[in-house]
Amino acid sequence: KHMVTGYDHLLFLFGVIFFLYRLKHIATYV
């Protein structure tokens, strides 16, 4: 619940994956 409603986390992750297209790259950063 904390992560799903954590706007600060979600905004940061949104920025992190914005220009990531491959799942392996997304998995690495996450």
PDB file of all heavy atoms in Angstrom:
ATOM      1  N   LYS A   1       0.833  -1.201   0.000  1.00  0.00           N
ATOM      2  CA  LYS A   1       0.000   0.000   0.000  1.00  0.00           C
ATOM      3  C   LYS A   1       0.868   1.252   0.000  1.00  0.00           C
ATOM      4  O   LYS A   1       0.576   2.232  -0.700  1.00  0.00           O
ATOM      5  CB  LYS A   1      -0.923  -0.001   1.218  1.00  0.00           C
ATOM      6  CG  LYS A   1      -1.834   1.216   1.310  1.00  0.00           C
ATOM      7  CD  LYS A   1      -2.709   1.137   2.557  1.00  0.00           C
ATOM      8  CE  LYS A   1      -3.589   2.384   2.675  1.00  0.00           C
ATOM      9  NZ  LYS A   1      -4.417   2.327   3.910  1.00  0.00           N
ATOM     10  N   HIS A   2       1.943   1.215   0.785  1.00  0.00           N
ATOM     11  CA  HIS A   2       2.853   2.366   0.840  1.00  0.00           C
ATOM     12  C   HIS A   2       3.423   2.682  -0.532  1.00  0.00           C
ATOM     13  O   HIS A   2       3.491   3.850  -0.935  1.00  0.00           O
ATOM     14  CB  HIS A   2       3.994   2.088   1.821  1.00  0.00           C
ATOM     15  CG  HIS A   2       5.144   3.035   1.681  1.00  0.00           C
ATOM     16  ND1 HIS A   2       5.069   4.348   2.085  1.00  0.00           N
ATOM     17  CD2 HIS A   2       6.386   2.875   1.165  1.00  0.00           C
ATOM     18  CE1 HIS A   2       6.220   4.958   1.820  1.00  0.00           C
ATOM     19  NE2 HIS A   2       7.030   4.085   1.265  1.00  0.00           N
ATOM     20  N   MET A   3       3.829   1.657  -1.271  1.00  0.00           N
ATOM     21  CA  MET A   3       4.435   1.908  -2.576  1.00  0.00           C
ATOM     22  C   MET A   3       3.395   2.347  -3.595  1.00  0.00           C
ATOM     23  O   MET A   3       3.620   3.292  -4.368  1.00  0.00           O
ATOM     24  CB  MET A   3       5.158   0.649  -3.073  1.00  0.00           C
ATOM     25  CG  MET A   3       5.804   0.821  -4.440  1.00  0.00           C
ATOM     26  SD  MET A   3       6.951   2.205  -4.549  1.00  0.00           S
ATOM     27  CE  MET A   3       8.359   1.541  -3.640  1.00  0.00           C
ATOM     28  N   VAL A   4       2.245   1.709  -3.618  1.00  0.00           N
ATOM     29  CA  VAL A   4       1.222   2.031  -4.615  1.00  0.00           C
ATOM     30  C   VAL A   4       0.703   3.453  -4.420  1.00  0.00           C
ATOM     31  O   VAL A   4       0.365   4.143  -5.390  1.00  0.00           O
ATOM     32  CB  VAL A   4       0.065   1.009  -4.550  1.00  0.00           C
ATOM     33  CG1 VAL A   4      -1.104   1.456  -5.408  1.00  0.00           C
ATOM     34  CG2 VAL A   4       0.554  -0.363  -5.014  1.00  0.00           C
ATOM     35  N   THR A   5       0.615   3.919  -3.169  1.00  0.00           N
ATOM     36  CA  THR A   5       0.116   5.271  -2.886  1.00  0.00           C
ATOM     37  C   THR A   5       1.246   6.267  -2.664  1.00  0.00           C
ATOM     38  O   THR A   5       0.987   7.431  -2.359  1.00  0.00           O
ATOM     39  CB  THR A   5      -0.795   5.260  -1.643  1.00  0.00           C
ATOM     40  OG1 THR A   5      -0.052   4.791  -0.499  1.00  0.00           O
ATOM     41  CG2 THR A   5      -2.002   4.364  -1.860  1.00  0.00           C
ATOM     42  N   GLY A   6       2.492   5.829  -2.799  1.00  0.00           N
ATOM     43  CA  GLY A   6       3.636   6.704  -2.547  1.00  0.00           C
ATOM     44  C   GLY A   6       3.936   7.563  -3.757  1.00  0.00           C
ATOM     45  O   GLY A   6       4.701   7.169  -4.647  1.00  0.00           O
ATOM     46  N   TYR A   7       3.327   8.745  -3.825  1.00  0.00           N
ATOM     47  CA  TYR A   7       3.473   9.614  -4.986  1.00  0.00           C
ATOM     48  C   TYR A   7       4.928   9.974  -5.263  1.00  0.00           C
ATOM     49  O   TYR A   7       5.330  10.116  -6.419  1.00  0.00           O
ATOM     50  CB  TYR A   7       2.653  10.894  -4.788  1.00  0.00           C
ATOM     51  CG  TYR A   7       2.957  11.594  -3.485  1.00  0.00           C
ATOM     52  CD1 TYR A   7       3.976  12.534  -3.395  1.00  0.00           C
ATOM     53  CD2 TYR A   7       2.227  11.290  -2.337  1.00  0.00           C
ATOM     54  CE1 TYR A   7       4.273  13.152  -2.204  1.00  0.00           C
ATOM     55  CE2 TYR A   7       2.518  11.906  -1.142  1.00  0.00           C
ATOM     56  CZ  TYR A   7       3.543  12.837  -1.070  1.00  0.00           C
ATOM     57  OH  TYR A   7       3.853  13.441   0.123  1.00  0.00           O
ATOM     58  N   ASP A   8       5.743  10.137  -4.211  1.00  0.00           N
ATOM     59  CA  ASP A   8       7.142  10.504  -4.425  1.00  0.00           C
ATOM     60  C   ASP A   8       7.903   9.366  -5.104  1.00  0.00           C
ATOM     61  O   ASP A   8       8.682   9.584  -6.042  1.00  0.00           O
ATOM     62  CB  ASP A   8       7.822  10.902  -3.109  1.00  0.00           C
ATOM     63  CG  ASP A   8       7.573   9.894  -1.988  1.00  0.00           C
ATOM     64  OD1 ASP A   8       6.840   8.901  -2.201  1.00  0.00           O
ATOM     65  OD2 ASP A   8       8.117  10.101  -0.881  1.00  0.00           O
ATOM     66  N   HIS A   9       7.670   8.129  -4.649  1.00  0.00           N
ATOM     67  CA  HIS A   9       8.295   6.969  -5.288  1.00  0.00           C
ATOM     68  C   HIS A   9       7.862   6.842  -6.744  1.00  0.00           C
ATOM     69  O   HIS A   9       8.681   6.601  -7.640  1.00  0.00           O
ATOM     70  CB  HIS A   9       7.926   5.675  -4.556  1.00  0.00           C
ATOM     71  CG  HIS A   9       8.380   5.626  -3.130  1.00  0.00           C
ATOM     72  ND1 HIS A   9       9.652   5.935  -2.737  1.00  0.00           N
ATOM     73  CD2 HIS A   9       7.715   5.288  -2.002  1.00  0.00           C
ATOM     74  CE1 HIS A   9       9.763   5.802  -1.421  1.00  0.00           C
ATOM     75  NE2 HIS A   9       8.595   5.406  -0.964  1.00  0.00           N
ATOM     76  N   LEU A  10       6.554   6.988  -6.967  1.00  0.00           N
ATOM     77  CA  LEU A  10       6.016   6.776  -8.309  1.00  0.00           C
ATOM     78  C   LEU A  10       6.510   7.836  -9.281  1.00  0.00           C
ATOM     79  O   LEU A  10       6.802   7.535 -10.451  1.00  0.00           O
ATOM     80  CB  LEU A  10       4.481   6.767  -8.261  1.00  0.00           C
ATOM     81  CG  LEU A  10       3.856   5.642  -7.422  1.00  0.00           C
ATOM     82  CD1 LEU A  10       2.335   5.728  -7.472  1.00  0.00           C
ATOM     83  CD2 LEU A  10       4.328   4.276  -7.906  1.00  0.00           C
ATOM     84  N   LEU A  11       6.603   9.074  -8.833  1.00  0.00           N
ATOM     85  CA  LEU A  11       7.119  10.128  -9.696  1.00  0.00           C
ATOM     86  C   LEU A  11       8.570   9.853 -10.078  1.00  0.00           C
ATOM     87  O   LEU A  11       8.971  10.031 -11.231  1.00  0.00           O
ATOM     88  CB  LEU A  11       7.002  11.488  -9.007  1.00  0.00           C
ATOM     89  CG  LEU A  11       5.596  12.087  -8.923  1.00  0.00           C
ATOM     90  CD1 LEU A  11       5.612  13.344  -8.050  1.00  0.00           C
ATOM     91  CD2 LEU A  11       5.035  12.406 -10.295  1.00  0.00           C
ATOM     92  N   PHE A  12       9.366   9.415  -9.099  1.00  0.00           N
ATOM     93  CA  PHE A  12      10.764   9.118  -9.385  1.00  0.00           C
ATOM     94  C   PHE A  12      10.878   7.946 -10.360  1.00  0.00           C
ATOM     95  O   PHE A  12      11.639   8.007 -11.340  1.00  0.00           O
ATOM     96  CB  PHE A  12      11.506   8.802  -8.095  1.00  0.00           C
ATOM     97  CG  PHE A  12      12.976   8.521  -8.294  1.00  0.00           C
ATOM     98  CD1 PHE A  12      13.855   9.541  -8.623  1.00  0.00           C
ATOM     99  CD2 PHE A  12      13.481   7.231  -8.151  1.00  0.00           C
ATOM    100  CE1 PHE A  12      15.209   9.287  -8.824  1.00  0.00           C
ATOM    101  CE2 PHE A  12      14.822   6.970  -8.338  1.00  0.00           C
ATOM    102  CZ  PHE A  12      15.695   8.001  -8.674  1.00  0.00           C
ATOM    103  N   LEU A  13      10.119   6.883 -10.116  1.00  0.00           N
ATOM    104  CA  LEU A  13      10.175   5.723 -11.002  1.00  0.00           C
ATOM    105  C   LEU A  13       9.672   6.069 -12.405  1.00  0.00           C
ATOM    106  O   LEU A  13      10.194   5.564 -13.406  1.00  0.00           O
ATOM    107  CB  LEU A  13       9.349   4.574 -10.414  1.00  0.00           C
ATOM    108  CG  LEU A  13       9.961   3.873  -9.195  1.00  0.00           C
ATOM    109  CD1 LEU A  13       8.990   2.846  -8.623  1.00  0.00           C
ATOM    110  CD2 LEU A  13      11.277   3.203  -9.557  1.00  0.00           C
ATOM    111  N   PHE A  14       8.669   6.928 -12.480  1.00  0.00           N
ATOM    112  CA  PHE A  14       8.177   7.388 -13.776  1.00  0.00           C
ATOM    113  C   PHE A  14       9.307   8.052 -14.560  1.00  0.00           C
ATOM    114  O   PHE A  14       9.493   7.799 -15.755  1.00  0.00           O
ATOM    115  CB  PHE A  14       7.021   8.368 -13.573  1.00  0.00           C
ATOM    116  CG  PHE A  14       6.573   9.063 -14.836  1.00  0.00           C
ATOM    117  CD1 PHE A  14       5.853   8.386 -15.804  1.00  0.00           C
ATOM    118  CD2 PHE A  14       6.865  10.410 -15.037  1.00  0.00           C
ATOM    119  CE1 PHE A  14       5.443   9.032 -16.969  1.00  0.00           C
ATOM    120  CE2 PHE A  14       6.455  11.054 -16.194  1.00  0.00           C
ATOM    121  CZ  PHE A  14       5.744  10.373 -17.155  1.00  0.00           C
ATOM    122  N   GLY A  15      10.087   8.877 -13.860  1.00  0.00           N
ATOM    123  CA  GLY A  15      11.221   9.524 -14.509  1.00  0.00           C
ATOM    124  C   GLY A  15      12.302   8.535 -14.904  1.00  0.00           C
ATOM    125  O   GLY A  15      12.901   8.649 -15.975  1.00  0.00           O
ATOM    126  N   VAL A  16      12.536   7.551 -14.037  1.00  0.00           N
ATOM    127  CA  VAL A  16      13.594   6.565 -14.299  1.00  0.00           C
ATOM    128  C   VAL A  16      13.311   5.773 -15.562  1.00  0.00           C
ATOM    129  O   VAL A  16      14.204   5.534 -16.382  1.00  0.00           O
ATOM    130  CB  VAL A  16      13.763   5.625 -13.089  1.00  0.00           C
ATOM    131  CG1 VAL A  16      14.623   4.410 -13.453  1.00  0.00           C
ATOM    132  CG2 VAL A  16      14.400   6.368 -11.913  1.00  0.00           C
ATOM    133  N   ILE A  17      12.075   5.343 -15.748  1.00  0.00           N
ATOM    134  CA  ILE A  17      11.764   4.466 -16.881  1.00  0.00           C
ATOM    135  C   ILE A  17      11.314   5.244 -18.121  1.00  0.00           C
ATOM    136  O   ILE A  17      11.014   4.626 -19.140  1.00  0.00           O
ATOM    137  CB  ILE A  17      10.668   3.441 -16.507  1.00  0.00           C
ATOM    138  CG1 ILE A  17       9.321   4.144 -16.326  1.00  0.00           C
ATOM    139  CG2 ILE A  17      11.068   2.654 -15.275  1.00  0.00           C
ATOM    140  CD1 ILE A  17       8.158   3.195 -16.213  1.00  0.00           C
ATOM    141  N   PHE A  18      11.300   6.568 -18.048  1.00  0.00           N
ATOM    142  CA  PHE A  18      10.720   7.363 -19.126  1.00  0.00           C
ATOM    143  C   PHE A  18      11.335   7.033 -20.484  1.00  0.00           C
ATOM    144  O   PHE A  18      10.633   6.895 -21.482  1.00  0.00           O
ATOM    145  CB  PHE A  18      10.889   8.852 -18.828  1.00  0.00           C
ATOM    146  CG  PHE A  18      10.032   9.734 -19.685  1.00  0.00           C
ATOM    147  CD1 PHE A  18       8.742  10.048 -19.309  1.00  0.00           C
ATOM    148  CD2 PHE A  18      10.508  10.245 -20.884  1.00  0.00           C
ATOM    149  CE1 PHE A  18       7.926  10.846 -20.110  1.00  0.00           C
ATOM    150  CE2 PHE A  18       9.711  11.044 -21.690  1.00  0.00           C
ATOM    151  CZ  PHE A  18       8.420  11.348 -21.307  1.00  0.00           C
ATOM    152  N   PHE A  19      12.661   6.920 -20.537  1.00  0.00           N
ATOM    153  CA  PHE A  19      13.334   6.627 -21.802  1.00  0.00           C
ATOM    154  C   PHE A  19      13.947   5.229 -21.823  1.00  0.00           C
ATOM    155  O   PHE A  19      14.871   4.965 -22.602  1.00  0.00           O
ATOM    156  CB  PHE A  19      14.417   7.672 -22.078  1.00  0.00           C
ATOM    157  CG  PHE A  19      13.874   9.009 -22.504  1.00  0.00           C
ATOM    158  CD1 PHE A  19      14.166  10.149 -21.774  1.00  0.00           C
ATOM    159  CD2 PHE A  19      13.061   9.121 -23.625  1.00  0.00           C
ATOM    160  CE1 PHE A  19      13.664  11.378 -22.159  1.00  0.00           C
ATOM    161  CE2 PHE A  19      12.557  10.350 -24.025  1.00  0.00           C
ATOM    162  CZ  PHE A  19      12.863  11.493 -23.288  1.00  0.00           C
ATOM    163  N   LEU A  20      13.451   4.328 -20.956  1.00  0.00           N
ATOM    164  CA  LEU A  20      13.921   2.947 -20.971  1.00  0.00           C
ATOM    165  C   LEU A  20      12.912   2.102 -21.746  1.00  0.00           C
ATOM    166  O   LEU A  20      11.725   2.114 -21.455  1.00  0.00           O
ATOM    167  CB  LEU A  20      14.071   2.403 -19.548  1.00  0.00           C
ATOM    168  CG  LEU A  20      15.127   3.085 -18.669  1.00  0.00           C
ATOM    169  CD1 LEU A  20      15.132   2.447 -17.280  1.00  0.00           C
ATOM    170  CD2 LEU A  20      16.516   2.983 -19.290  1.00  0.00           C
ATOM    171  N   TYR A  21      13.400   1.345 -22.731  1.00  0.00           N
ATOM    172  CA  TYR A  21      12.513   0.581 -23.597  1.00  0.00           C
ATOM    173  C   TYR A  21      12.643  -0.927 -23.397  1.00  0.00           C
ATOM    174  O   TYR A  21      11.685  -1.659 -23.638  1.00  0.00           O
ATOM    175  CB  TYR A  21      12.788   0.921 -25.066  1.00  0.00           C
ATOM    176  CG  TYR A  21      12.413   2.345 -25.425  1.00  0.00           C
ATOM    177  CD1 TYR A  21      13.307   3.381 -25.226  1.00  0.00           C
ATOM    178  CD2 TYR A  21      11.158   2.636 -25.941  1.00  0.00           C
ATOM    179  CE1 TYR A  21      12.965   4.691 -25.549  1.00  0.00           C
ATOM    180  CE2 TYR A  21      10.800   3.938 -26.279  1.00  0.00           C
ATOM    181  CZ  TYR A  21      11.710   4.962 -26.071  1.00  0.00           C
ATOM    182  OH  TYR A  21      11.371   6.258 -26.381  1.00  0.00           O
ATOM    183  N   ARG A  22      13.801  -1.392 -22.962  1.00  0.00           N
ATOM    184  CA  ARG A  22      14.004  -2.827 -22.794  1.00  0.00           C
ATOM    185  C   ARG A  22      13.727  -3.239 -21.347  1.00  0.00           C
ATOM    186  O   ARG A  22      14.141  -2.568 -20.406  1.00  0.00           O
ATOM    187  CB  ARG A  22      15.431  -3.212 -23.181  1.00  0.00           C
ATOM    188  CG  ARG A  22      15.747  -2.979 -24.663  1.00  0.00           C
ATOM    189  CD  ARG A  22      17.103  -3.521 -25.022  1.00  0.00           C
ATOM    190  NE  ARG A  22      17.403  -3.365 -26.452  1.00  0.00           N
ATOM    191  CZ  ARG A  22      18.516  -3.796 -27.027  1.00  0.00           C
ATOM    192  NH1 ARG A  22      19.455  -4.409 -26.288  1.00  0.00           N
ATOM    193  NH2 ARG A  22      18.705  -3.600 -28.310  1.00  0.00           N
ATOM    194  N   LEU A  23      13.060  -4.378 -21.213  1.00  0.00           N
ATOM    195  CA  LEU A  23      12.684  -4.842 -19.880  1.00  0.00           C
ATOM    196  C   LEU A  23      13.896  -5.104 -18.994  1.00  0.00           C
ATOM    197  O   LEU A  23      13.857  -4.866 -17.795  1.00  0.00           O
ATOM    198  CB  LEU A  23      11.831  -6.109 -19.992  1.00  0.00           C
ATOM    199  CG  LEU A  23      10.385  -5.908 -20.461  1.00  0.00           C
ATOM    200  CD1 LEU A  23       9.676  -7.246 -20.560  1.00  0.00           C
ATOM    201  CD2 LEU A  23       9.635  -4.979 -19.510  1.00  0.00           C
ATOM    202  N   LYS A  24      15.003  -5.575 -19.591  1.00  0.00           N
ATOM    203  CA  LYS A  24      16.180  -5.863 -18.774  1.00  0.00           C
ATOM    204  C   LYS A  24      16.784  -4.584 -18.214  1.00  0.00           C
ATOM    205  O   LYS A  24      17.309  -4.581 -17.090  1.00  0.00           O
ATOM    206  CB  LYS A  24      17.219  -6.644 -19.579  1.00  0.00           C
ATOM    207  CG  LYS A  24      17.857  -5.885 -20.740  1.00  0.00           C
ATOM    208  CD  LYS A  24      18.936  -6.736 -21.402  1.00  0.00           C
ATOM    209  CE  LYS A  24      19.647  -5.990 -22.533  1.00  0.00           C
ATOM    210  NZ  LYS A  24      20.709  -6.828 -23.145  1.00  0.00           N
ATOM    211  N   HIS A  25      16.690  -3.491 -18.965  1.00  0.00           N
ATOM    212  CA  HIS A  25      17.180  -2.209 -18.465  1.00  0.00           C
ATOM    213  C   HIS A  25      16.267  -1.686 -17.358  1.00  0.00           C
ATOM    214  O   HIS A  25      16.737  -1.173 -16.339  1.00  0.00           O
ATOM    215  CB  HIS A  25      17.266  -1.193 -19.607  1.00  0.00           C
ATOM    216  CG  HIS A  25      18.282  -1.550 -20.635  1.00  0.00           C
ATOM    217  ND1 HIS A  25      18.231  -1.068 -21.931  1.00  0.00           N
ATOM    218  CD2 HIS A  25      19.376  -2.353 -20.586  1.00  0.00           C
ATOM    219  CE1 HIS A  25      19.249  -1.536 -22.615  1.00  0.00           C
ATOM    220  NE2 HIS A  25      19.953  -2.339 -21.825  1.00  0.00           N
ATOM    221  N   ILE A  26      14.973  -1.814 -17.566  1.00  0.00           N
ATOM    222  CA  ILE A  26      14.011  -1.395 -16.550  1.00  0.00           C
ATOM    223  C   ILE A  26      14.222  -2.188 -15.266  1.00  0.00           C
ATOM    224  O   ILE A  26      14.237  -1.634 -14.161  1.00  0.00           O
ATOM    225  CB  ILE A  26      12.573  -1.577 -17.064  1.00  0.00           C
ATOM    226  CG1 ILE A  26      12.304  -0.621 -18.229  1.00  0.00           C
ATOM    227  CG2 ILE A  26      11.561  -1.350 -15.945  1.00  0.00           C
ATOM    228  CD1 ILE A  26      10.995  -0.852 -18.937  1.00  0.00           C
ATOM    229  N   ALA A  27      14.417  -3.502 -15.411  1.00  0.00           N
ATOM    230  CA  ALA A  27      14.632  -4.366 -14.247  1.00  0.00           C
ATOM    231  C   ALA A  27      15.891  -3.969 -13.489  1.00  0.00           C
ATOM    232  O   ALA A  27      15.911  -3.973 -12.247  1.00  0.00           O
ATOM    233  CB  ALA A  27      14.728  -5.826 -14.690  1.00  0.00           C
ATOM    234  N   THR A  28      16.948  -3.601 -14.213  1.00  0.00           N
ATOM    235  CA  THR A  28      18.198  -3.206 -13.564  1.00  0.00           C
ATOM    236  C   THR A  28      18.000  -1.970 -12.698  1.00  0.00           C
ATOM    237  O   THR A  28      18.397  -1.938 -11.526  1.00  0.00           O
ATOM    238  CB  THR A  28      19.279  -2.917 -14.624  1.00  0.00           C
ATOM    239  OG1 THR A  28      19.555  -4.112 -15.347  1.00  0.00           O
ATOM    240  CG2 THR A  28      20.563  -2.414 -13.965  1.00  0.00           C
ATOM    241  N   TYR A  29      17.369  -0.949 -13.248  1.00  0.00           N
ATOM    242  CA  TYR A  29      17.191   0.305 -12.512  1.00  0.00           C
ATOM    243  C   TYR A  29      16.216   0.144 -11.350  1.00  0.00           C
ATOM    244  O   TYR A  29      16.436   0.679 -10.259  1.00  0.00           O
ATOM    245  CB  TYR A  29      16.716   1.409 -13.459  1.00  0.00           C
ATOM    246  CG  TYR A  29      17.827   2.012 -14.274  1.00  0.00           C
ATOM    247  CD1 TYR A  29      18.180   1.473 -15.515  1.00  0.00           C
ATOM    248  CD2 TYR A  29      18.544   3.101 -13.811  1.00  0.00           C
ATOM    249  CE1 TYR A  29      19.212   2.014 -16.265  1.00  0.00           C
ATOM    250  CE2 TYR A  29      19.576   3.657 -14.562  1.00  0.00           C
ATOM    251  CZ  TYR A  29      19.908   3.102 -15.773  1.00  0.00           C
ATOM    252  OH  TYR A  29      20.930   3.641 -16.512  1.00  0.00           O
ATOM    253  N   VAL A  30      15.137  -0.590 -11.579  1.00  0.00           N
ATOM    254  CA  VAL A  30      14.162  -0.796 -10.507  1.00  0.00           C
ATOM    255  C   VAL A  30      14.782  -1.613  -9.371  1.00  0.00           C
ATOM    256  O   VAL A  30      14.527  -1.360  -8.196  1.00  0.00           O
ATOM    257  CB  VAL A  30      12.903  -1.491 -11.062  1.00  0.00           C
ATOM    258  CG1 VAL A  30      11.970  -1.906  -9.934  1.00  0.00           C
ATOM    259  CG2 VAL A  30      12.176  -0.559 -12.028  1.00  0.00           C
TER     260      VAL A  30
END
